[in-house]
N, C-alpha and C. Protein backbone atom coordinates (compact mmCIF):
# COMPACT_ATOMS: atom_id res chain seq x y z
N MET A 1 17.97 4.43 39.34
CA MET A 1 17.45 3.14 39.11
C MET A 1 17.38 2.52 37.66
N ALA A 2 17.90 1.35 37.50
CA ALA A 2 17.93 0.93 36.53
C ALA A 2 16.59 0.28 35.67
N ARG A 3 16.79 0.33 33.98
CA ARG A 3 15.40 0.33 33.64
C ARG A 3 15.22 -1.22 33.46
N PRO A 4 13.89 -1.74 33.55
CA PRO A 4 13.87 -2.85 33.47
C PRO A 4 14.08 -3.56 31.77
N SER A 5 14.62 -4.59 31.92
CA SER A 5 14.62 -5.17 30.12
C SER A 5 13.82 -5.46 29.39
N SER A 6 12.56 -5.49 29.70
CA SER A 6 11.15 -5.45 29.01
C SER A 6 11.32 -4.15 27.95
N ASP A 7 12.08 -3.01 28.31
CA ASP A 7 11.55 -1.82 27.41
C ASP A 7 12.56 -2.02 26.38
N THR A 8 13.67 -2.74 26.13
CA THR A 8 14.42 -2.81 25.10
C THR A 8 13.92 -3.53 24.08
N LYS A 9 14.33 -3.14 22.72
CA LYS A 9 13.80 -3.90 21.71
C LYS A 9 14.79 -4.69 21.17
N VAL A 10 14.32 -6.07 20.83
CA VAL A 10 15.15 -7.06 20.40
C VAL A 10 15.09 -7.17 18.94
N VAL A 11 16.01 -7.07 18.07
CA VAL A 11 16.09 -7.28 16.76
C VAL A 11 16.38 -8.65 16.31
N ASP A 12 15.63 -9.11 15.61
CA ASP A 12 15.85 -10.76 15.30
C ASP A 12 16.74 -10.70 14.15
N GLY A 13 16.99 -9.93 13.09
CA GLY A 13 17.96 -9.75 12.15
C GLY A 13 17.74 -8.79 11.18
N PRO A 14 18.80 -8.76 10.13
CA PRO A 14 18.35 -7.53 9.13
C PRO A 14 16.92 -7.99 8.48
N ARG A 15 16.35 -6.84 8.23
CA ARG A 15 15.23 -6.91 7.57
C ARG A 15 15.35 -7.28 6.02
N LEU A 16 14.37 -7.69 5.54
CA LEU A 16 14.42 -8.10 3.96
C LEU A 16 13.99 -6.83 3.04
N LYS A 17 14.32 -6.48 2.19
CA LYS A 17 14.38 -5.13 1.46
C LYS A 17 13.14 -5.70 0.52
N ARG A 18 12.10 -4.95 0.66
CA ARG A 18 11.00 -5.18 -0.14
C ARG A 18 10.96 -4.28 -1.58
N PHE A 19 10.62 -5.18 -2.59
CA PHE A 19 10.91 -4.26 -3.94
C PHE A 19 9.40 -4.03 -4.61
N CYS A 20 9.35 -2.89 -5.20
CA CYS A 20 8.19 -2.29 -5.67
C CYS A 20 7.69 -3.21 -6.62
N GLN A 21 6.31 -3.87 -6.78
CA GLN A 21 5.84 -4.75 -7.35
C GLN A 21 5.90 -4.26 -9.04
N PHE A 22 5.55 -2.73 -9.14
CA PHE A 22 5.31 -2.41 -10.49
C PHE A 22 6.83 -2.18 -11.09
N CYS A 23 8.00 -2.03 -10.21
CA CYS A 23 9.17 -1.94 -11.11
C CYS A 23 9.88 -3.26 -11.34
N THR A 24 9.53 -4.20 -10.49
CA THR A 24 9.98 -5.52 -11.04
C THR A 24 9.28 -6.12 -12.21
N GLN A 25 7.86 -5.98 -12.32
CA GLN A 25 7.18 -6.11 -13.56
C GLN A 25 7.05 -5.08 -14.58
N LYS A 26 7.71 -3.97 -14.48
CA LYS A 26 7.99 -2.84 -15.44
C LYS A 26 6.62 -2.80 -16.09
N SER A 27 5.80 -2.37 -15.20
CA SER A 27 4.33 -2.25 -15.47
C SER A 27 3.74 -0.73 -14.93
N LEU A 28 2.64 -0.45 -15.11
CA LEU A 28 2.17 0.74 -14.38
C LEU A 28 0.92 0.32 -13.90
N PRO A 29 0.26 0.96 -12.88
CA PRO A 29 -1.32 0.57 -12.22
C PRO A 29 -2.03 0.94 -13.26
N GLN A 30 -3.24 0.42 -13.66
CA GLN A 30 -4.11 0.78 -14.74
C GLN A 30 -5.65 1.13 -13.71
N TYR A 31 -6.34 1.90 -14.14
CA TYR A 31 -7.50 2.40 -13.36
C TYR A 31 -8.52 1.16 -13.69
N SER A 32 -8.29 0.96 -14.92
CA SER A 32 -9.46 -0.36 -15.26
C SER A 32 -9.25 -1.80 -14.59
N ASP A 33 -8.30 -1.81 -14.03
CA ASP A 33 -7.81 -3.17 -13.39
C ASP A 33 -8.32 -3.14 -11.81
N ALA A 34 -9.74 -3.08 -11.66
CA ALA A 34 -10.07 -2.73 -10.23
C ALA A 34 -9.77 -3.59 -9.01
N SER A 35 -9.64 -4.93 -9.44
CA SER A 35 -9.22 -6.13 -8.76
C SER A 35 -7.99 -5.89 -8.12
N ALA A 36 -6.86 -5.56 -9.03
CA ALA A 36 -5.53 -5.27 -8.64
C ALA A 36 -5.68 -4.29 -7.90
N LEU A 37 -6.00 -2.88 -7.94
CA LEU A 37 -6.12 -1.82 -7.08
C LEU A 37 -6.72 -2.16 -5.81
N ARG A 38 -7.72 -3.14 -5.73
CA ARG A 38 -8.15 -3.08 -4.40
C ARG A 38 -7.24 -3.86 -3.31
N ARG A 39 -6.16 -4.29 -3.88
CA ARG A 39 -5.13 -5.24 -3.14
C ARG A 39 -4.37 -3.81 -2.17
N PHE A 40 -4.49 -2.85 -2.79
CA PHE A 40 -3.72 -1.43 -2.40
C PHE A 40 -4.58 -0.72 -1.54
N MET A 41 -5.77 -1.23 -1.10
CA MET A 41 -6.93 -0.30 -0.30
C MET A 41 -7.08 -1.19 1.06
N SER A 42 -7.42 -0.42 2.06
CA SER A 42 -7.85 -1.18 3.19
C SER A 42 -9.24 -1.40 3.10
N ASP A 43 -9.65 -2.39 3.93
CA ASP A 43 -11.18 -2.72 3.81
C ASP A 43 -12.08 -1.76 4.33
N ARG A 44 -11.69 -0.60 4.55
CA ARG A 44 -12.75 0.57 4.81
C ARG A 44 -12.68 1.22 3.32
N GLY A 45 -11.83 0.95 2.41
CA GLY A 45 -11.96 1.69 1.32
C GLY A 45 -10.66 2.73 1.30
N ARG A 46 -9.86 2.68 2.11
CA ARG A 46 -8.87 3.86 2.06
C ARG A 46 -7.42 3.33 1.36
N ILE A 47 -6.76 4.33 0.85
CA ILE A 47 -5.70 3.89 0.09
C ILE A 47 -4.45 3.72 1.25
N ASN A 48 -3.89 2.44 0.87
CA ASN A 48 -2.81 2.06 2.03
C ASN A 48 -1.45 2.82 2.02
N PRO A 49 -0.84 3.24 2.95
CA PRO A 49 0.36 3.95 2.64
C PRO A 49 1.62 3.01 2.17
N ARG A 50 2.71 3.67 1.80
CA ARG A 50 3.85 3.18 0.98
C ARG A 50 4.60 2.09 1.88
N THR A 51 4.39 2.23 3.51
CA THR A 51 4.96 1.24 4.18
C THR A 51 4.18 0.16 4.30
N ARG A 52 2.69 0.09 4.05
CA ARG A 52 2.28 -1.18 4.18
C ARG A 52 2.13 -1.88 2.77
N THR A 53 2.17 -1.13 1.51
CA THR A 53 2.00 -1.62 0.36
C THR A 53 3.31 -2.00 -0.33
N GLY A 54 4.42 -1.37 0.09
CA GLY A 54 5.94 -1.91 -0.57
C GLY A 54 6.00 -1.40 -1.78
N VAL A 55 5.47 -0.42 -2.27
CA VAL A 55 5.53 0.24 -3.68
C VAL A 55 6.39 1.57 -3.20
N CYS A 56 7.26 1.79 -4.38
CA CYS A 56 8.00 3.10 -4.48
C CYS A 56 7.38 4.14 -4.41
N ALA A 57 7.96 5.40 -4.20
CA ALA A 57 7.22 6.63 -4.17
C ALA A 57 6.63 7.02 -5.48
N LYS A 58 7.44 6.75 -6.33
CA LYS A 58 6.90 7.20 -8.12
C LYS A 58 5.74 6.28 -8.15
N HIS A 59 5.67 5.04 -7.93
CA HIS A 59 4.33 4.29 -8.22
C HIS A 59 3.37 4.41 -7.04
N GLN A 60 3.81 4.92 -5.96
CA GLN A 60 2.55 5.25 -5.15
C GLN A 60 1.53 6.27 -5.53
N ARG A 61 2.35 7.35 -6.07
CA ARG A 61 1.76 8.50 -6.77
C ARG A 61 0.73 8.15 -7.60
N VAL A 62 1.34 7.44 -8.46
CA VAL A 62 0.60 6.89 -9.84
C VAL A 62 -0.67 6.09 -9.33
N LEU A 63 -0.44 5.17 -8.51
CA LEU A 63 -1.42 4.39 -7.94
C LEU A 63 -2.50 5.25 -7.19
N SER A 64 -2.25 5.98 -6.48
CA SER A 64 -3.40 7.05 -5.67
C SER A 64 -3.88 7.64 -6.76
N LYS A 65 -3.34 8.24 -7.66
CA LYS A 65 -4.33 8.55 -9.01
C LYS A 65 -5.16 7.81 -9.63
N GLN A 66 -4.73 6.69 -9.85
CA GLN A 66 -5.44 5.54 -10.65
C GLN A 66 -6.81 5.05 -9.76
N ILE A 67 -6.43 5.14 -8.67
CA ILE A 67 -7.32 4.53 -7.57
C ILE A 67 -8.55 5.77 -7.42
N LYS A 68 -8.12 6.81 -7.62
CA LYS A 68 -8.99 8.05 -7.48
C LYS A 68 -10.16 8.46 -8.67
N TYR A 69 -9.17 8.03 -9.79
CA TYR A 69 -9.89 7.87 -11.10
C TYR A 69 -10.94 6.84 -11.37
N ALA A 70 -10.41 5.80 -11.02
CA ALA A 70 -11.45 4.35 -10.80
C ALA A 70 -12.76 4.81 -9.75
N ARG A 71 -12.29 5.41 -8.78
CA ARG A 71 -13.62 5.89 -7.63
C ARG A 71 -14.47 6.97 -8.60
N HIS A 72 -14.14 7.70 -9.36
CA HIS A 72 -14.90 8.48 -10.10
C HIS A 72 -15.79 8.05 -11.29
N LEU A 73 -14.97 6.98 -11.75
CA LEU A 73 -15.80 6.21 -12.82
C LEU A 73 -16.73 4.93 -12.21
N SER A 74 -16.67 4.94 -10.92
CA SER A 74 -17.50 4.14 -10.30
C SER A 74 -17.11 2.73 -10.25
N LEU A 75 -15.85 2.34 -10.69
CA LEU A 75 -15.41 1.19 -10.69
C LEU A 75 -14.83 0.66 -9.16
N LEU A 76 -14.63 1.62 -8.47
CA LEU A 76 -14.19 1.32 -7.00
C LEU A 76 -14.99 2.22 -6.20
N PRO A 77 -15.33 1.59 -4.92
CA PRO A 77 -16.47 2.23 -3.70
C PRO A 77 -15.42 3.60 -3.17
N PHE A 78 -16.16 4.58 -2.77
CA PHE A 78 -15.47 5.82 -2.12
C PHE A 78 -15.27 5.40 -0.53
N THR A 79 -16.34 4.65 -0.20
CA THR A 79 -16.41 4.09 1.20
C THR A 79 -17.01 2.67 1.11
N VAL A 80 -17.05 1.96 2.14
CA VAL A 80 -17.48 0.55 2.19
C VAL A 80 -18.35 0.66 3.50
N ARG A 81 -19.66 0.32 3.39
CA ARG A 81 -20.56 0.18 4.70
C ARG A 81 -19.98 -1.12 5.46
N VAL A 82 -20.22 -0.86 6.88
CA VAL A 82 -19.73 -1.73 7.55
C VAL A 82 -21.16 -2.16 8.57
């Protein structure tokens, strides 16, 4: 029996390559800039993965360490109450 055509994926076109924000600006994430670090966190306070943030592996490691450091200094919350 043939598969229905709804199971196949349709590709609209080539995906655009996302560039790392920190590589293009030639800067590093800083723990003191809490508002910039919040952009890389979910609404629940978790660190977003690279696939969602578009940051390269090198800067994602630095970013996660800076977010954790800012949490210990009470600049960012560990969790957010819902």
